[in-house]
Amino acid sequence: MDDNITKDDLRQFGVFLVEQFKQIIDNNKEENSLNPEWLKSRIVKKLMDMSAASLQNLRISGKVRSKKVLGSYYYNKSDLMNLFNDKN
């Protein structure tokens, strides 16, 4: 039996691997788009177009709930949305 691997075999295997990786990535995108309740600070700054200092002021003043996990701050999404609904 001839067990030699040809270049064509390697190309087919490469195409197979790429397709498998694409499926894994697509599955992860669907899982990560579930609208998390807590958002990381860099996401909040980007979405709301605000500086780190502005976000820190919201956190310190208590207008937005936050949690610190392993050195990263996470902010409550509903609190951030309520900033726009406040009629004061």
N, C-alpha and C. Protein backbone atom coordinates (compact mmCIF):
# COMPACT_ATOMS: atom_id res chain seq x y z
N MET A 1 0.85 -1.18 0.00
CA MET A 1 0.00 0.00 0.00
C MET A 1 0.88 1.23 0.00
N ASP A 2 0.55 2.22 -0.83
CA ASP A 2 1.35 3.43 -0.98
C ASP A 2 0.82 4.50 -0.02
N ASP A 3 1.61 4.84 1.01
CA ASP A 3 1.20 5.81 2.02
C ASP A 3 1.86 7.18 1.83
N ASN A 4 2.38 7.45 0.66
CA ASN A 4 3.00 8.74 0.42
C ASN A 4 1.94 9.84 0.35
N ILE A 5 2.27 10.97 0.91
CA ILE A 5 1.37 12.12 0.90
C ILE A 5 1.79 13.04 -0.24
N THR A 6 0.84 13.39 -1.07
CA THR A 6 1.15 14.25 -2.20
C THR A 6 0.84 15.71 -1.87
N LYS A 7 1.29 16.60 -2.73
CA LYS A 7 0.98 18.02 -2.56
C LYS A 7 -0.52 18.26 -2.63
N ASP A 8 -1.19 17.52 -3.49
CA ASP A 8 -2.63 17.67 -3.61
C ASP A 8 -3.33 17.24 -2.30
N ASP A 9 -2.84 16.20 -1.66
CA ASP A 9 -3.38 15.79 -0.36
C ASP A 9 -3.23 16.91 0.66
N LEU A 10 -2.07 17.56 0.67
CA LEU A 10 -1.83 18.65 1.61
C LEU A 10 -2.74 19.84 1.32
N ARG A 11 -2.95 20.15 0.05
CA ARG A 11 -3.85 21.24 -0.32
C ARG A 11 -5.28 20.95 0.15
N GLN A 12 -5.73 19.73 -0.08
CA GLN A 12 -7.08 19.36 0.35
C GLN A 12 -7.21 19.43 1.87
N PHE A 13 -6.18 19.00 2.57
CA PHE A 13 -6.19 19.05 4.03
C PHE A 13 -6.21 20.51 4.50
N GLY A 14 -5.44 21.36 3.82
CA GLY A 14 -5.42 22.78 4.16
C GLY A 14 -6.78 23.42 3.97
N VAL A 15 -7.45 23.10 2.86
CA VAL A 15 -8.79 23.63 2.60
C VAL A 15 -9.76 23.14 3.68
N PHE A 16 -9.64 21.87 4.05
CA PHE A 16 -10.48 21.30 5.10
C PHE A 16 -10.27 22.04 6.42
N LEU A 17 -9.02 22.30 6.78
CA LEU A 17 -8.72 23.00 8.03
C LEU A 17 -9.27 24.43 8.03
N VAL A 18 -9.11 25.13 6.92
CA VAL A 18 -9.62 26.49 6.82
C VAL A 18 -11.13 26.51 7.00
N GLU A 19 -11.83 25.57 6.39
CA GLU A 19 -13.28 25.50 6.53
C GLU A 19 -13.68 25.21 7.98
N GLN A 20 -12.95 24.34 8.64
CA GLN A 20 -13.24 24.03 10.04
C GLN A 20 -13.02 25.26 10.92
N PHE A 21 -11.94 26.00 10.68
CA PHE A 21 -11.68 27.22 11.45
C PHE A 21 -12.78 28.26 11.21
N LYS A 22 -13.23 28.40 9.98
CA LYS A 22 -14.31 29.34 9.67
C LYS A 22 -15.58 28.99 10.43
N GLN A 23 -15.90 27.70 10.50
CA GLN A 23 -17.08 27.28 11.24
C GLN A 23 -16.95 27.60 12.73
N ILE A 24 -15.78 27.37 13.29
CA ILE A 24 -15.55 27.65 14.71
C ILE A 24 -15.68 29.14 14.98
N ILE A 25 -15.10 29.96 14.12
CA ILE A 25 -15.16 31.41 14.29
C ILE A 25 -16.60 31.91 14.16
N ASP A 26 -17.33 31.40 13.17
CA ASP A 26 -18.73 31.80 13.00
C ASP A 26 -19.57 31.41 14.20
N ASN A 27 -19.35 30.24 14.76
CA ASN A 27 -20.08 29.81 15.95
C ASN A 27 -19.78 30.71 17.13
N ASN A 28 -18.52 31.11 17.29
CA ASN A 28 -18.14 31.99 18.40
C ASN A 28 -18.73 33.38 18.23
N LYS A 29 -18.83 33.88 17.01
CA LYS A 29 -19.43 35.20 16.77
C LYS A 29 -20.88 35.18 17.19
N GLU A 30 -21.59 34.11 16.87
CA GLU A 30 -23.00 34.02 17.24
C GLU A 30 -23.16 33.98 18.76
N GLU A 31 -22.30 33.25 19.45
CA GLU A 31 -22.38 33.14 20.90
C GLU A 31 -22.03 34.45 21.58
N ASN A 32 -21.08 35.21 21.03
CA ASN A 32 -20.62 36.45 21.65
C ASN A 32 -21.54 37.63 21.36
N SER A 33 -22.48 37.47 20.46
CA SER A 33 -23.38 38.57 20.13
C SER A 33 -24.69 38.48 20.91
N LEU A 34 -24.66 37.91 22.09
CA LEU A 34 -25.87 37.71 22.87
C LEU A 34 -26.21 38.90 23.75
N ASN A 35 -25.63 40.06 23.52
CA ASN A 35 -25.86 41.26 24.31
C ASN A 35 -25.56 41.03 25.79
N PRO A 36 -24.32 41.01 26.15
CA PRO A 36 -23.96 40.79 27.55
C PRO A 36 -24.47 41.93 28.44
N GLU A 37 -24.71 41.61 29.69
CA GLU A 37 -25.21 42.60 30.64
C GLU A 37 -24.09 43.54 31.09
N TRP A 38 -22.87 43.04 31.13
CA TRP A 38 -21.71 43.83 31.58
C TRP A 38 -20.76 44.01 30.41
N LEU A 39 -20.31 45.26 30.20
CA LEU A 39 -19.42 45.59 29.08
C LEU A 39 -18.07 46.04 29.60
N LYS A 40 -17.02 45.62 28.94
CA LYS A 40 -15.67 46.01 29.30
C LYS A 40 -15.46 47.49 28.97
N SER A 41 -14.62 48.15 29.74
CA SER A 41 -14.45 49.60 29.62
C SER A 41 -14.04 50.03 28.22
N ARG A 42 -13.18 49.29 27.55
CA ARG A 42 -12.76 49.71 26.21
C ARG A 42 -13.91 49.67 25.22
N ILE A 43 -14.84 48.73 25.41
CA ILE A 43 -16.03 48.65 24.56
C ILE A 43 -16.93 49.85 24.82
N VAL A 44 -17.12 50.19 26.10
CA VAL A 44 -17.97 51.32 26.47
C VAL A 44 -17.40 52.61 25.89
N LYS A 45 -16.08 52.80 26.04
CA LYS A 45 -15.46 54.02 25.51
C LYS A 45 -15.64 54.13 24.01
N LYS A 46 -15.53 53.02 23.32
CA LYS A 46 -15.67 53.03 21.87
C LYS A 46 -17.13 53.27 21.46
N LEU A 47 -18.06 52.56 22.09
CA LEU A 47 -19.48 52.69 21.73
C LEU A 47 -20.03 54.07 22.04
N MET A 48 -19.61 54.63 23.19
CA MET A 48 -20.17 55.91 23.62
C MET A 48 -19.28 57.09 23.25
N ASP A 49 -18.16 56.80 22.60
CA ASP A 49 -17.22 57.84 22.17
C ASP A 49 -16.87 58.76 23.34
N MET A 50 -16.35 58.17 24.40
CA MET A 50 -15.96 58.96 25.58
C MET A 50 -14.56 58.58 26.01
N SER A 51 -13.96 59.48 26.75
CA SER A 51 -12.60 59.25 27.23
C SER A 51 -12.62 58.35 28.47
N ALA A 52 -11.45 57.86 28.82
CA ALA A 52 -11.32 57.05 30.02
C ALA A 52 -11.67 57.87 31.27
N ALA A 53 -11.32 59.15 31.26
CA ALA A 53 -11.60 60.02 32.41
C ALA A 53 -13.10 60.23 32.58
N SER A 54 -13.82 60.39 31.49
CA SER A 54 -15.28 60.56 31.57
C SER A 54 -15.94 59.31 32.12
N LEU A 55 -15.47 58.18 31.66
CA LEU A 55 -16.01 56.91 32.16
C LEU A 55 -15.69 56.73 33.64
N GLN A 56 -14.50 57.11 34.03
CA GLN A 56 -14.10 57.03 35.43
C GLN A 56 -14.99 57.94 36.28
N ASN A 57 -15.29 59.14 35.80
CA ASN A 57 -16.16 60.06 36.54
C ASN A 57 -17.57 59.48 36.73
N LEU A 58 -18.08 58.83 35.71
CA LEU A 58 -19.39 58.19 35.84
C LEU A 58 -19.36 57.08 36.89
N ARG A 59 -18.25 56.35 36.91
CA ARG A 59 -18.10 55.27 37.88
C ARG A 59 -17.99 55.81 39.29
N ILE A 60 -17.15 56.83 39.50
CA ILE A 60 -16.92 57.39 40.83
C ILE A 60 -18.17 58.07 41.36
N SER A 61 -18.90 58.76 40.50
CA SER A 61 -20.11 59.47 40.93
C SER A 61 -21.27 58.52 41.21
N GLY A 62 -21.13 57.26 40.82
CA GLY A 62 -22.17 56.27 41.08
C GLY A 62 -23.29 56.27 40.07
N LYS A 63 -23.11 56.96 38.96
CA LYS A 63 -24.15 57.00 37.93
C LYS A 63 -24.22 55.69 37.15
N VAL A 64 -23.11 54.96 37.16
CA VAL A 64 -23.03 53.69 36.46
C VAL A 64 -22.41 52.66 37.39
N ARG A 65 -23.08 51.51 37.52
CA ARG A 65 -22.51 50.44 38.33
C ARG A 65 -21.33 49.82 37.59
N SER A 66 -20.33 49.41 38.35
CA SER A 66 -19.16 48.80 37.75
C SER A 66 -18.65 47.68 38.64
N LYS A 67 -17.89 46.80 38.01
CA LYS A 67 -17.22 45.72 38.72
C LYS A 67 -15.79 45.67 38.21
N LYS A 68 -14.87 45.41 39.13
CA LYS A 68 -13.48 45.26 38.72
C LYS A 68 -13.13 43.79 38.83
N VAL A 69 -12.72 43.21 37.71
CA VAL A 69 -12.36 41.81 37.66
C VAL A 69 -10.98 41.69 37.05
N LEU A 70 -10.04 41.19 37.84
CA LEU A 70 -8.66 40.99 37.38
C LEU A 70 -8.07 42.23 36.72
N GLY A 71 -8.33 43.39 37.29
CA GLY A 71 -7.74 44.63 36.80
C GLY A 71 -8.52 45.33 35.71
N SER A 72 -9.60 44.73 35.23
CA SER A 72 -10.41 45.36 34.19
C SER A 72 -11.76 45.75 34.77
N TYR A 73 -12.24 46.92 34.37
CA TYR A 73 -13.55 47.37 34.82
C TYR A 73 -14.61 46.94 33.82
N TYR A 74 -15.74 46.52 34.36
CA TYR A 74 -16.91 46.16 33.56
C TYR A 74 -18.06 47.04 34.01
N TYR A 75 -18.85 47.52 33.05
CA TYR A 75 -19.92 48.47 33.34
C TYR A 75 -21.26 47.87 32.97
N ASN A 76 -22.27 48.17 33.79
CA ASN A 76 -23.61 47.66 33.58
C ASN A 76 -24.25 48.33 32.37
N LYS A 77 -24.68 47.53 31.43
CA LYS A 77 -25.23 48.05 30.18
C LYS A 77 -26.52 48.84 30.40
N SER A 78 -27.39 48.36 31.28
CA SER A 78 -28.66 49.07 31.50
C SER A 78 -28.43 50.43 32.14
N ASP A 79 -27.42 50.55 33.02
CA ASP A 79 -27.10 51.84 33.62
C ASP A 79 -26.63 52.83 32.55
N LEU A 80 -25.83 52.34 31.62
CA LEU A 80 -25.34 53.20 30.55
C LEU A 80 -26.50 53.68 29.67
N MET A 81 -27.43 52.79 29.37
CA MET A 81 -28.59 53.16 28.55
C MET A 81 -29.48 54.15 29.29
N ASN A 82 -29.58 54.02 30.61
CA ASN A 82 -30.42 54.92 31.41
C ASN A 82 -29.85 56.34 31.46
N LEU A 83 -28.57 56.51 31.18
CA LEU A 83 -28.00 57.85 31.14
C LEU A 83 -28.70 58.71 30.09
N PHE A 84 -29.12 58.09 29.00
CA PHE A 84 -29.78 58.80 27.93
C PHE A 84 -31.28 59.01 28.20
N ASN A 85 -31.84 58.17 29.05
CA ASN A 85 -33.27 58.25 29.35
C ASN A 85 -33.56 59.15 30.55
N ASP A 86 -32.51 59.62 31.23
CA ASP A 86 -32.69 60.45 32.43
C ASP A 86 -33.26 61.80 32.01
N LYS A 87 -34.36 62.22 32.63
CA LYS A 87 -35.05 63.46 32.26
C LYS A 87 -34.73 64.60 33.22
N ASN A 88 -33.59 64.59 33.90
CA ASN A 88 -33.25 65.66 34.86
C ASN A 88 -32.77 66.89 34.15
